[in-house]
Protein backbone atom coordinates (compact mmCIF):
# COMPACT_ATOMS: atom_id res chain seq x y z
CA MET A 1 0.00 0.00 0.00
CA ILE A 2 1.25 3.47 -0.89
CA ARG A 3 1.36 5.58 2.24
CA PRO A 4 1.60 9.38 2.29
CA LYS A 5 5.06 9.00 3.86
CA ASN A 6 6.24 7.07 0.77
CA ILE A 7 5.07 9.89 -1.48
CA ALA A 8 6.64 12.51 0.80
CA ASP A 9 9.95 10.63 0.88
CA ILE A 10 10.18 10.79 -2.91
CA MET A 11 9.74 14.57 -2.68
CA GLY A 12 12.55 14.84 -0.10
CA GLY A 13 10.81 13.89 3.13
CA ARG A 14 11.01 15.96 6.28
CA ALA A 15 14.31 17.59 5.26
CA ILE A 16 12.68 19.26 2.24
CA LEU A 17 9.02 19.43 3.26
CA GLY A 18 9.79 20.83 6.70
CA LYS A 19 7.75 18.36 8.73
CA PRO A 20 7.00 14.66 8.87
CA ILE A 21 4.12 13.48 6.70
CA ARG A 22 2.06 10.84 8.50
CA SER A 23 -1.36 11.16 6.89
CA VAL A 24 -3.14 12.23 3.73
CA ARG A 25 -4.23 15.33 5.65
CA ASP A 26 -0.59 16.22 6.44
CA LEU A 27 0.28 15.76 2.78
CA GLU A 28 -2.68 17.83 1.61
CA ARG A 29 -1.84 20.70 3.97
CA THR A 30 1.78 20.73 2.86
CA ILE A 31 0.81 20.73 -0.81
CA SER A 32 -1.82 23.45 -0.40
CA ARG A 33 0.85 25.78 1.04
CA GLY A 34 3.10 25.15 -1.96
CA LEU A 35 6.06 22.80 -1.95
CA PRO A 36 9.67 23.98 -2.02
CA LYS A 37 10.85 23.78 -5.60
CA ARG A 38 13.54 21.29 -4.49
CA ALA A 39 10.70 18.75 -4.01
CA LEU A 40 10.04 18.83 -7.76
CA ARG A 41 13.73 18.46 -8.58
CA LEU A 42 14.12 15.44 -6.27
CA THR A 43 10.98 13.84 -7.68
CA ALA A 44 12.18 14.20 -11.28
CA GLU A 45 15.69 13.00 -10.39
CA ARG A 46 14.23 9.88 -8.76
CA VAL A 47 13.39 8.61 -12.25
CA TYR A 48 15.81 10.59 -14.39
CA PRO A 49 19.30 10.81 -12.83
CA ALA A 50 20.60 12.67 -15.91
CA ALA A 51 20.15 16.41 -15.34
CA GLY A 52 18.78 17.14 -18.82
CA ASP A 53 16.09 14.49 -18.60
CA ALA A 54 15.08 15.61 -15.09
CA ARG A 55 14.84 19.23 -16.24
CA ARG A 56 12.55 18.30 -19.13
CA VAL A 57 10.13 16.70 -16.66
CA MET A 58 10.40 19.60 -14.23
CA PHE A 59 9.73 22.19 -16.89
CA ARG A 60 6.59 20.35 -18.02
CA ILE A 61 5.23 21.06 -14.54
CA VAL A 62 6.66 24.56 -14.08
CA PRO A 63 8.01 26.70 -16.94
CA GLU A 64 11.77 27.15 -16.67
CA ALA A 65 11.72 30.93 -16.19
CA THR A 66 9.10 30.62 -13.46
CA PHE A 67 11.04 27.82 -11.75
CA LYS A 68 14.22 29.91 -11.69
CA ARG A 69 12.67 32.97 -10.08
CA ARG A 70 10.59 31.20 -7.40
CA THR A 71 11.51 29.47 -4.16
CA ARG A 72 8.18 27.64 -3.81
CA LEU A 73 5.76 26.00 -6.19
CA SER A 74 2.18 27.16 -6.48
CA PRO A 75 -0.49 24.86 -5.00
CA LEU A 76 -1.37 23.64 -8.53
CA GLU A 77 2.29 22.93 -9.37
CA SER A 78 2.61 21.23 -5.98
CA GLU A 79 -0.37 18.98 -6.78
CA ARG A 80 1.27 18.01 -10.07
CA THR A 81 4.51 17.25 -8.24
CA GLU A 82 2.67 15.11 -5.69
CA ARG A 83 0.87 13.24 -8.48
CA LEU A 84 4.19 12.45 -10.13
CA ALA A 85 5.65 11.32 -6.79
CA ARG A 86 2.54 9.17 -6.19
CA VAL A 87 2.96 7.42 -9.55
CA ILE A 88 6.65 6.82 -8.79
CA ALA A 89 5.80 5.49 -5.31
CA ALA A 90 3.19 3.14 -6.79
CA ALA A 91 5.68 1.81 -9.36
CA GLU A 92 8.38 1.29 -6.73
CA TYR A 93 5.87 -0.52 -4.53
CA ALA A 94 4.64 -2.79 -7.34
CA TRP A 95 8.11 -3.62 -8.63
CA ASN A 96 9.78 -3.64 -5.19
CA ASP A 97 12.91 -2.34 -6.90
CA ARG A 98 13.74 1.26 -7.76
CA ALA A 99 15.68 0.39 -10.94
CA ASP A 100 12.90 -1.87 -12.27
CA ALA A 101 10.31 0.79 -11.45
CA ARG A 102 12.40 3.43 -13.27
CA GLU A 103 12.64 1.23 -16.34
CA TRP A 104 8.90 0.53 -16.33
CA LEU A 105 8.04 4.22 -15.84
CA THR A 106 10.16 5.29 -18.83
CA THR A 107 9.17 2.55 -21.30
CA PRO A 108 6.21 3.10 -23.66
CA HIS A 109 3.24 0.98 -22.61
CA PRO A 110 0.59 -0.42 -24.99
CA GLU A 111 -2.29 0.24 -22.57
CA LEU A 112 -1.28 3.89 -22.43
CA GLY A 113 -1.31 4.48 -26.18
CA ARG A 114 2.43 3.77 -26.39
CA ARG A 115 3.15 6.66 -24.00
CA THR A 116 5.37 6.03 -21.02
CA PRO A 117 3.70 5.68 -17.62
CA LEU A 118 5.55 8.80 -16.53
CA GLU A 119 4.14 10.81 -19.46
CA SER A 120 0.66 9.50 -18.72
CA GLY A 121 1.07 10.37 -15.06
CA MET A 122 1.30 14.06 -15.90
CA THR A 123 -2.51 14.26 -15.86
CA GLU A 124 -4.83 13.06 -13.11
CA LEU A 125 -6.72 10.66 -15.38
CA GLY A 126 -3.46 9.36 -16.82
CA ALA A 127 -2.08 8.83 -13.31
CA ARG A 128 -5.21 6.85 -12.42
CA GLN A 129 -4.68 4.66 -15.48
CA VAL A 130 -1.05 4.04 -14.49
CA GLU A 131 -2.05 3.21 -10.92
CA GLU A 132 -4.70 0.80 -12.20
CA ILE A 133 -2.14 -1.00 -14.39
CA LEU A 134 0.28 -1.21 -11.46
CA ASP A 135 -2.47 -2.55 -9.20
CA ARG A 136 -3.28 -5.30 -11.70
CA LEU A 137 0.41 -6.05 -12.13
CA PHE A 138 0.96 -6.25 -8.36
CA HIS A 139 -2.00 -8.56 -7.85
CA GLY A 140 -1.26 -10.72 -10.90
CA ILE A 141 -4.50 -9.80 -12.67
CA PRO A 142 -4.22 -10.17 -16.46
CA ALA A 143 -4.81 -7.16 -18.68
């Protein structure tokens, strides 16, 4: 099961978020205040260790010029960051291996119209699709 702490850890945990996340309510409050922009960087780097690839993901969530001049993300940008972290946490949980999860997240998937799970996870409905696929995968339910 994906716990709010797992999602928060992907975004940098207490060191970046400023407090421990123990519940969905804690996570929601933190996101509604706006996350530190470092949370987005850490989330992107979790899947893309290469700086250029991580930046491309980051700048799909926040335009580059905006990212450079701000210290915090807006609540909407924070929600997008959390959604990405949630998809990553779900993949890591299902695969039980960070490297396998990274590979799965960055490989085009037929059930997602040949988009990668990470690309699909950029929207709420796409993230739900990805989570559904991961749930079936985890429980051994055929497609």
